[in-house]
């Protein structure tokens, strides 16, 4: 694989990320327009809750899509796959995906596709674990186990 292929993969990933972000913004704007058109409906608290749940569902769907895109780049085995996957995982984690935060924690801890930053990795593991991600919980448990072993030796 040439350097040109790696650059093309990064450009394609950036273009896809841009497309997903534009779609998310469009979904939120559509929801806001619907809210403006239905101001009388929004006076009712049940209708307001429904709009909020709809917006959360749209954001959650986008977070899941971003996570799957990042995961696919990691699985392809391309030399630049991890580098391309990191922005997708960061954005997906920011939107609330526990799986993305757990995988991003792993990448930060090992320096895969980004600079090695164990502190940031542990933070991502903690955020994912708070959301119930089993992978992140196992990783944190392993970190604590290793720290405890070094205290006794």
N, C-alpha and C. Protein backbone atom coordinates (compact mmCIF):
# COMPACT_ATOMS: atom_id res chain seq x y z
N UNK A 1 0.84 -1.18 0.00
CA UNK A 1 0.00 0.00 0.00
C UNK A 1 0.89 1.24 0.00
N UNK A 2 0.61 2.15 -0.89
CA UNK A 2 1.43 3.35 -1.00
C UNK A 2 0.96 4.43 -0.03
N UNK A 3 1.81 5.45 0.15
CA UNK A 3 1.43 6.59 1.00
C UNK A 3 0.20 7.28 0.44
N UNK A 4 0.09 7.28 -0.91
CA UNK A 4 -1.05 7.92 -1.56
C UNK A 4 -2.35 7.25 -1.14
N UNK A 5 -2.35 5.90 -1.04
CA UNK A 5 -3.54 5.18 -0.62
C UNK A 5 -3.94 5.56 0.80
N UNK A 6 -2.94 5.70 1.68
CA UNK A 6 -3.21 6.10 3.06
C UNK A 6 -3.83 7.48 3.13
N UNK A 7 -3.30 8.41 2.32
CA UNK A 7 -3.85 9.77 2.30
C UNK A 7 -5.27 9.76 1.77
N UNK A 8 -5.51 8.92 0.74
CA UNK A 8 -6.85 8.83 0.18
C UNK A 8 -7.82 8.31 1.24
N UNK A 9 -7.40 7.31 2.03
CA UNK A 9 -8.26 6.77 3.09
C UNK A 9 -8.57 7.84 4.12
N UNK A 10 -7.57 8.66 4.47
CA UNK A 10 -7.80 9.73 5.44
C UNK A 10 -8.77 10.76 4.88
N UNK A 11 -8.57 11.14 3.59
CA UNK A 11 -9.46 12.12 2.97
C UNK A 11 -10.88 11.57 2.88
N UNK A 12 -11.01 10.29 2.52
CA UNK A 12 -12.33 9.68 2.43
C UNK A 12 -12.98 9.64 3.81
N UNK A 13 -12.19 9.33 4.84
CA UNK A 13 -12.73 9.31 6.19
C UNK A 13 -13.16 10.69 6.64
N UNK A 14 -12.37 11.70 6.32
CA UNK A 14 -12.73 13.07 6.70
C UNK A 14 -13.99 13.51 5.98
N UNK A 15 -14.12 13.14 4.70
CA UNK A 15 -15.31 13.50 3.93
C UNK A 15 -16.55 12.83 4.52
N UNK A 16 -16.40 11.57 4.90
CA UNK A 16 -17.52 10.84 5.49
C UNK A 16 -17.90 11.43 6.84
N UNK A 17 -16.90 11.78 7.64
CA UNK A 17 -17.16 12.41 8.93
C UNK A 17 -17.89 13.73 8.74
N UNK A 18 -17.47 14.52 7.76
CA UNK A 18 -18.11 15.79 7.47
C UNK A 18 -19.57 15.57 7.07
N UNK A 19 -19.82 14.53 6.27
CA UNK A 19 -21.17 14.23 5.82
C UNK A 19 -22.06 13.85 7.01
N UNK A 20 -21.52 13.04 7.94
CA UNK A 20 -22.29 12.62 9.11
C UNK A 20 -22.60 13.81 10.00
N UNK A 21 -21.61 14.69 10.19
CA UNK A 21 -21.83 15.88 11.02
C UNK A 21 -22.88 16.78 10.39
N UNK A 22 -22.80 16.95 9.07
CA UNK A 22 -23.81 17.78 8.40
C UNK A 22 -25.21 17.18 8.57
N UNK A 23 -25.30 15.84 8.53
CA UNK A 23 -26.59 15.17 8.69
C UNK A 23 -27.12 15.40 10.11
N UNK A 24 -26.25 15.31 11.09
CA UNK A 24 -26.65 15.54 12.47
C UNK A 24 -27.16 16.96 12.66
N UNK A 25 -26.43 17.93 12.11
CA UNK A 25 -26.86 19.33 12.20
C UNK A 25 -28.20 19.51 11.51
N UNK A 26 -28.37 18.87 10.35
CA UNK A 26 -29.63 18.96 9.62
C UNK A 26 -30.78 18.37 10.44
N UNK A 27 -30.54 17.22 11.11
CA UNK A 27 -31.58 16.60 11.93
C UNK A 27 -32.01 17.53 13.07
N UNK A 28 -31.03 18.14 13.71
CA UNK A 28 -31.33 19.05 14.82
C UNK A 28 -32.09 20.28 14.30
N UNK A 29 -31.66 20.81 13.15
CA UNK A 29 -32.35 21.97 12.58
C UNK A 29 -33.78 21.62 12.20
N UNK A 30 -34.00 20.42 11.65
CA UNK A 30 -35.36 19.99 11.31
C UNK A 30 -36.24 19.92 12.56
N UNK A 31 -35.66 19.42 13.63
CA UNK A 31 -36.41 19.33 14.87
C UNK A 31 -36.74 20.72 15.42
N UNK A 32 -35.77 21.63 15.32
CA UNK A 32 -36.01 23.01 15.77
C UNK A 32 -37.10 23.67 14.94
N UNK A 33 -37.08 23.45 13.61
CA UNK A 33 -38.13 24.02 12.74
C UNK A 33 -39.50 23.47 13.11
N UNK A 34 -39.56 22.17 13.36
CA UNK A 34 -40.83 21.57 13.75
C UNK A 34 -41.32 22.17 15.07
N UNK A 35 -40.39 22.44 15.98
CA UNK A 35 -40.77 23.04 17.26
C UNK A 35 -41.31 24.45 17.06
N UNK A 36 -40.67 25.21 16.16
CA UNK A 36 -41.14 26.58 15.90
C UNK A 36 -42.54 26.57 15.28
N UNK A 37 -42.77 25.62 14.37
CA UNK A 37 -44.07 25.55 13.69
C UNK A 37 -45.17 25.13 14.65
N UNK A 38 -44.80 24.39 15.66
CA UNK A 38 -45.81 23.84 16.57
C UNK A 38 -45.70 24.46 17.96
N UNK A 39 -45.57 25.77 18.02
CA UNK A 39 -45.39 26.42 19.32
C UNK A 39 -46.57 26.16 20.25
N UNK A 40 -47.77 26.08 19.69
CA UNK A 40 -48.93 25.82 20.56
C UNK A 40 -48.84 24.42 21.15
N UNK A 41 -48.34 23.50 20.38
CA UNK A 41 -48.18 22.14 20.87
C UNK A 41 -47.12 22.07 21.97
N UNK A 42 -46.07 22.88 21.82
CA UNK A 42 -44.97 22.83 22.78
C UNK A 42 -45.34 23.40 24.14
N UNK A 43 -46.46 24.11 24.21
CA UNK A 43 -46.90 24.59 25.52
C UNK A 43 -47.28 23.42 26.42
N UNK A 44 -47.67 22.38 25.80
CA UNK A 44 -47.99 21.17 26.56
C UNK A 44 -46.69 20.47 26.91
N UNK A 45 -46.47 20.15 28.17
CA UNK A 45 -45.21 19.56 28.62
C UNK A 45 -44.94 18.20 27.99
N UNK A 46 -45.96 17.41 27.75
CA UNK A 46 -45.77 16.09 27.14
C UNK A 46 -45.21 16.23 25.73
N UNK A 47 -45.68 17.22 24.99
CA UNK A 47 -45.18 17.44 23.63
C UNK A 47 -43.71 17.88 23.67
N UNK A 48 -43.37 18.72 24.63
CA UNK A 48 -41.98 19.17 24.75
C UNK A 48 -41.06 18.00 25.06
N UNK A 49 -41.52 17.10 25.93
CA UNK A 49 -40.71 15.92 26.26
C UNK A 49 -40.53 15.03 25.03
N UNK A 50 -41.56 14.90 24.23
CA UNK A 50 -41.47 14.08 23.03
C UNK A 50 -40.44 14.65 22.06
N UNK A 51 -40.42 15.97 21.89
CA UNK A 51 -39.43 16.60 21.01
C UNK A 51 -38.02 16.34 21.54
N UNK A 52 -37.83 16.46 22.84
CA UNK A 52 -36.51 16.22 23.42
C UNK A 52 -36.08 14.77 23.23
N UNK A 53 -36.99 13.83 23.43
CA UNK A 53 -36.65 12.41 23.23
C UNK A 53 -36.29 12.14 21.78
N UNK A 54 -37.02 12.77 20.85
CA UNK A 54 -36.74 12.59 19.42
C UNK A 54 -35.35 13.11 19.08
N UNK A 55 -34.98 14.27 19.62
CA UNK A 55 -33.66 14.82 19.36
C UNK A 55 -32.58 13.92 19.95
N UNK A 56 -32.80 13.42 21.17
CA UNK A 56 -31.82 12.52 21.79
C UNK A 56 -31.65 11.25 20.97
N UNK A 57 -32.75 10.72 20.44
CA UNK A 57 -32.70 9.50 19.63
C UNK A 57 -31.89 9.75 18.36
N UNK A 58 -32.07 10.92 17.74
CA UNK A 58 -31.32 11.25 16.52
C UNK A 58 -29.83 11.34 16.83
N UNK A 59 -29.48 11.97 17.94
CA UNK A 59 -28.07 12.09 18.32
C UNK A 59 -27.49 10.71 18.64
N UNK A 60 -28.26 9.88 19.33
CA UNK A 60 -27.79 8.53 19.67
C UNK A 60 -27.55 7.71 18.41
N UNK A 61 -28.46 7.80 17.45
CA UNK A 61 -28.27 7.07 16.18
C UNK A 61 -27.00 7.54 15.49
N UNK A 62 -26.76 8.84 15.48
CA UNK A 62 -25.55 9.36 14.85
C UNK A 62 -24.30 8.89 15.58
N UNK A 63 -24.35 8.85 16.92
CA UNK A 63 -23.20 8.38 17.70
C UNK A 63 -22.90 6.92 17.37
N UNK A 64 -23.95 6.10 17.23
CA UNK A 64 -23.75 4.69 16.89
C UNK A 64 -23.15 4.53 15.51
N UNK A 65 -23.62 5.34 14.56
CA UNK A 65 -23.08 5.29 13.19
C UNK A 65 -21.61 5.68 13.20
N UNK A 66 -21.26 6.74 13.89
CA UNK A 66 -19.86 7.18 13.96
C UNK A 66 -18.98 6.12 14.60
N UNK A 67 -19.48 5.46 15.65
CA UNK A 67 -18.71 4.41 16.30
C UNK A 67 -18.44 3.27 15.32
N UNK A 68 -19.47 2.86 14.58
CA UNK A 68 -19.31 1.75 13.64
C UNK A 68 -18.33 2.09 12.52
N UNK A 69 -18.35 3.33 12.06
CA UNK A 69 -17.39 3.75 11.03
C UNK A 69 -15.97 3.67 11.58
N UNK A 70 -15.76 4.21 12.77
CA UNK A 70 -14.43 4.15 13.39
C UNK A 70 -13.97 2.73 13.62
N UNK A 71 -14.88 1.88 14.09
CA UNK A 71 -14.55 0.47 14.33
C UNK A 71 -14.16 -0.23 13.03
N UNK A 72 -14.87 0.08 11.94
CA UNK A 72 -14.53 -0.53 10.65
C UNK A 72 -13.15 -0.13 10.19
N UNK A 73 -12.76 1.12 10.39
CA UNK A 73 -11.40 1.54 10.01
C UNK A 73 -10.37 0.78 10.83
N UNK A 74 -10.65 0.54 12.12
CA UNK A 74 -9.70 -0.19 12.97
C UNK A 74 -9.57 -1.64 12.51
N UNK A 75 -10.66 -2.26 12.08
CA UNK A 75 -10.65 -3.67 11.71
C UNK A 75 -10.02 -3.94 10.34
N UNK A 76 -9.97 -2.95 9.48
CA UNK A 76 -9.49 -3.19 8.12
C UNK A 76 -8.00 -3.49 8.06
N UNK A 77 -7.26 -3.16 9.09
CA UNK A 77 -5.84 -3.46 9.12
C UNK A 77 -4.99 -2.53 8.26
N UNK A 78 -5.54 -1.42 7.86
CA UNK A 78 -4.77 -0.46 7.08
C UNK A 78 -3.76 0.24 8.00
N UNK A 79 -2.60 0.60 7.46
CA UNK A 79 -1.63 1.31 8.31
C UNK A 79 -2.19 2.60 8.88
N UNK A 80 -3.07 3.24 8.15
CA UNK A 80 -3.64 4.51 8.62
C UNK A 80 -5.01 4.31 9.25
N UNK A 81 -5.48 3.07 9.38
CA UNK A 81 -6.82 2.80 9.89
C UNK A 81 -7.05 3.36 11.28
N UNK A 82 -6.09 3.16 12.18
CA UNK A 82 -6.24 3.66 13.54
C UNK A 82 -6.26 5.18 13.58
N UNK A 83 -5.42 5.79 12.74
CA UNK A 83 -5.35 7.26 12.70
C UNK A 83 -6.69 7.83 12.24
N UNK A 84 -7.30 7.19 11.25
CA UNK A 84 -8.58 7.65 10.73
C UNK A 84 -9.70 7.36 11.74
N UNK A 85 -9.59 6.28 12.50
CA UNK A 85 -10.65 5.88 13.43
C UNK A 85 -10.77 6.82 14.63
N UNK A 86 -9.65 7.39 15.08
CA UNK A 86 -9.66 8.20 16.32
C UNK A 86 -10.67 9.36 16.27
N UNK A 87 -10.72 10.17 15.20
CA UNK A 87 -11.70 11.27 15.21
C UNK A 87 -13.15 10.78 15.27
N UNK A 88 -13.45 9.66 14.61
CA UNK A 88 -14.80 9.11 14.67
C UNK A 88 -15.15 8.69 16.09
N UNK A 89 -14.20 8.02 16.74
CA UNK A 89 -14.44 7.57 18.12
C UNK A 89 -14.57 8.75 19.07
N UNK A 90 -13.75 9.79 18.87
CA UNK A 90 -13.86 10.98 19.73
C UNK A 90 -15.23 11.63 19.60
N UNK A 91 -15.67 11.82 18.37
CA UNK A 91 -16.97 12.47 18.14
C UNK A 91 -18.11 11.60 18.65
N UNK A 92 -18.03 10.31 18.40
CA UNK A 92 -19.07 9.40 18.88
C UNK A 92 -19.13 9.40 20.40
N UNK A 93 -17.96 9.41 21.04
CA UNK A 93 -17.92 9.47 22.50
C UNK A 93 -18.50 10.77 23.03
N UNK A 94 -18.20 11.86 22.35
CA UNK A 94 -18.75 13.16 22.75
C UNK A 94 -20.27 13.17 22.64
N UNK A 95 -20.80 12.45 21.65
CA UNK A 95 -22.25 12.37 21.48
C UNK A 95 -22.89 11.37 22.45
N UNK A 96 -22.06 10.64 23.21
CA UNK A 96 -22.62 9.79 24.26
C UNK A 96 -22.43 8.29 24.09
N UNK A 97 -21.64 7.83 23.15
CA UNK A 97 -21.44 6.40 22.95
C UNK A 97 -20.42 5.85 23.95
N UNK A 98 -20.87 4.95 24.82
CA UNK A 98 -19.98 4.34 25.81
C UNK A 98 -18.95 3.44 25.13
N UNK A 99 -19.38 2.71 24.10
CA UNK A 99 -18.45 1.82 23.39
C UNK A 99 -17.31 2.62 22.77
N UNK A 100 -17.64 3.75 22.18
CA UNK A 100 -16.62 4.58 21.54
C UNK A 100 -15.63 5.10 22.58
N UNK A 101 -16.13 5.50 23.74
CA UNK A 101 -15.24 5.99 24.80
C UNK A 101 -14.31 4.88 25.29
N UNK A 102 -14.84 3.67 25.40
CA UNK A 102 -14.02 2.55 25.83
C UNK A 102 -12.91 2.24 24.83
N UNK A 103 -13.25 2.22 23.54
CA UNK A 103 -12.24 1.95 22.50
C UNK A 103 -11.23 3.08 22.39
N UNK A 104 -11.72 4.30 22.55
CA UNK A 104 -10.82 5.45 22.51
C UNK A 104 -9.85 5.39 23.68
N UNK A 105 -10.33 4.95 24.84
CA UNK A 105 -9.45 4.78 26.00
C UNK A 105 -8.33 3.80 25.69
N UNK A 106 -8.67 2.69 25.04
CA UNK A 106 -7.67 1.70 24.65
C UNK A 106 -6.64 2.30 23.70
N UNK A 107 -7.12 3.05 22.71
CA UNK A 107 -6.22 3.64 21.72
C UNK A 107 -5.29 4.66 22.38
N UNK A 108 -5.83 5.43 23.32
CA UNK A 108 -4.99 6.40 24.03
C UNK A 108 -3.97 5.70 24.93
N UNK A 109 -4.40 4.65 25.60
CA UNK A 109 -3.49 3.92 26.51
C UNK A 109 -2.33 3.29 25.75
N UNK A 110 -2.61 2.80 24.53
CA UNK A 110 -1.59 2.09 23.74
C UNK A 110 -0.91 2.97 22.70
N UNK A 111 -1.44 4.16 22.47
CA UNK A 111 -0.86 5.03 21.45
C UNK A 111 -1.20 4.57 20.04
N UNK A 112 -2.37 3.99 19.85
CA UNK A 112 -2.80 3.52 18.53
C UNK A 112 -3.53 4.64 17.79
N UNK A 113 -2.94 5.14 16.74
CA UNK A 113 -3.57 6.18 15.94
C UNK A 113 -3.50 7.57 16.55
N UNK A 114 -2.87 7.69 17.69
CA UNK A 114 -2.75 8.98 18.37
C UNK A 114 -1.56 8.89 19.33
N UNK A 115 -1.22 10.02 19.92
CA UNK A 115 -0.13 10.03 20.90
C UNK A 115 -0.56 9.25 22.15
N UNK A 116 0.36 8.51 22.73
CA UNK A 116 0.07 7.74 23.94
C UNK A 116 -0.17 8.70 25.10
N UNK A 117 -1.32 8.56 25.74
CA UNK A 117 -1.69 9.42 26.86
C UNK A 117 -2.50 8.57 27.85
N UNK A 118 -1.80 7.98 28.81
CA UNK A 118 -2.46 7.07 29.74
C UNK A 118 -3.50 7.77 30.61
N UNK A 119 -3.21 9.00 30.99
CA UNK A 119 -4.17 9.75 31.82
C UNK A 119 -5.49 9.95 31.07
N UNK A 120 -5.40 10.40 29.83
CA UNK A 120 -6.61 10.59 29.01
C UNK A 120 -7.31 9.26 28.76
N UNK A 121 -6.53 8.20 28.60
CA UNK A 121 -7.11 6.88 28.39
C UNK A 121 -7.93 6.42 29.60
N UNK A 122 -7.39 6.64 30.79
CA UNK A 122 -8.11 6.27 32.01
C UNK A 122 -9.38 7.11 32.16
N UNK A 123 -9.29 8.38 31.79
CA UNK A 123 -10.49 9.23 31.84
C UNK A 123 -11.58 8.69 30.92
N UNK A 124 -11.18 8.31 29.69
CA UNK A 124 -12.16 7.75 28.74
C UNK A 124 -12.73 6.43 29.27
N UNK A 125 -11.88 5.57 29.83
CA UNK A 125 -12.37 4.33 30.43
C UNK A 125 -13.39 4.63 31.52
N UNK A 126 -13.09 5.61 32.36
CA UNK A 126 -13.98 5.95 33.48
C UNK A 126 -15.33 6.45 32.97
N UNK A 127 -15.30 7.31 31.95
CA UNK A 127 -16.56 7.82 31.39
C UNK A 127 -17.40 6.68 30.80
N UNK A 128 -16.72 5.77 30.10
CA UNK A 128 -17.42 4.63 29.50
C UNK A 128 -17.96 3.70 30.59
N UNK A 129 -17.17 3.48 31.62
CA UNK A 129 -17.59 2.59 32.72
C UNK A 129 -18.80 3.15 33.45
N UNK A 130 -18.85 4.47 33.61
CA UNK A 130 -20.01 5.11 34.24
C UNK A 130 -21.28 4.86 33.45
N UNK A 131 -21.12 4.69 32.13
CA UNK A 131 -22.27 4.42 31.27
C UNK A 131 -22.56 2.92 31.16
N UNK A 132 -21.75 2.10 31.84
CA UNK A 132 -22.02 0.67 31.87
C UNK A 132 -21.29 -0.16 30.83
N UNK A 133 -20.27 0.38 30.18
CA UNK A 133 -19.53 -0.37 29.17
C UNK A 133 -18.64 -1.42 29.85
N UNK A 134 -18.91 -2.69 29.58
CA UNK A 134 -18.20 -3.79 30.24
C UNK A 134 -16.73 -3.83 29.86
N UNK A 135 -16.40 -3.52 28.61
CA UNK A 135 -15.00 -3.51 28.17
C UNK A 135 -14.19 -2.51 29.00
N UNK A 136 -14.73 -1.32 29.19
CA UNK A 136 -14.04 -0.29 29.97
C UNK A 136 -13.91 -0.70 31.43
N UNK A 137 -14.95 -1.32 31.98
CA UNK A 137 -14.88 -1.80 33.37
C UNK A 137 -13.77 -2.83 33.53
N UNK A 138 -13.68 -3.75 32.56
CA UNK A 138 -12.62 -4.78 32.62
C UNK A 138 -11.23 -4.15 32.52
N UNK A 139 -11.09 -3.16 31.65
CA UNK A 139 -9.79 -2.50 31.49
C UNK A 139 -9.39 -1.76 32.77
N UNK A 140 -10.34 -1.06 33.38
CA UNK A 140 -10.05 -0.37 34.63
C UNK A 140 -9.68 -1.37 35.74
N UNK A 141 -10.38 -2.49 35.77
CA UNK A 141 -10.07 -3.52 36.77
C UNK A 141 -8.65 -4.05 36.57
N UNK A 142 -8.26 -4.24 35.33
CA UNK A 142 -6.91 -4.72 35.03
C UNK A 142 -5.86 -3.69 35.43
N UNK A 143 -6.13 -2.42 35.20
CA UNK A 143 -5.20 -1.36 35.59
C UNK A 143 -5.02 -1.36 37.12
N UNK A 144 -6.13 -1.45 37.85
CA UNK A 144 -6.07 -1.46 39.31
C UNK A 144 -5.33 -2.71 39.79
N UNK A 145 -5.59 -3.86 39.17
CA UNK A 145 -4.91 -5.10 39.56
C UNK A 145 -3.40 -4.96 39.38
N UNK A 146 -2.98 -4.39 38.25
CA UNK A 146 -1.55 -4.23 38.01
C UNK A 146 -0.92 -3.22 38.98
N UNK A 147 -1.65 -2.16 39.29
CA UNK A 147 -1.12 -1.20 40.27
C UNK A 147 -0.97 -1.84 41.64
N UNK A 148 -1.92 -2.67 42.03
CA UNK A 148 -1.85 -3.35 43.32
C UNK A 148 -0.69 -4.34 43.36
N UNK A 149 -0.42 -5.00 42.24
CA UNK A 149 0.68 -5.98 42.19
C UNK A 149 2.01 -5.27 42.38
N UNK A 150 2.16 -4.07 41.80
CA UNK A 150 3.44 -3.35 41.91
C UNK A 150 3.67 -2.82 43.33
N UNK A 151 2.61 -2.62 44.09
CA UNK A 151 2.75 -2.13 45.47
C UNK A 151 3.38 -3.20 46.37
N UNK A 152 3.14 -4.46 46.07
CA UNK A 152 3.61 -5.54 46.93
C UNK A 152 5.01 -6.05 46.56
N UNK A 153 5.51 -5.65 45.41
CA UNK A 153 6.82 -6.15 44.96
C UNK A 153 7.88 -5.09 44.98
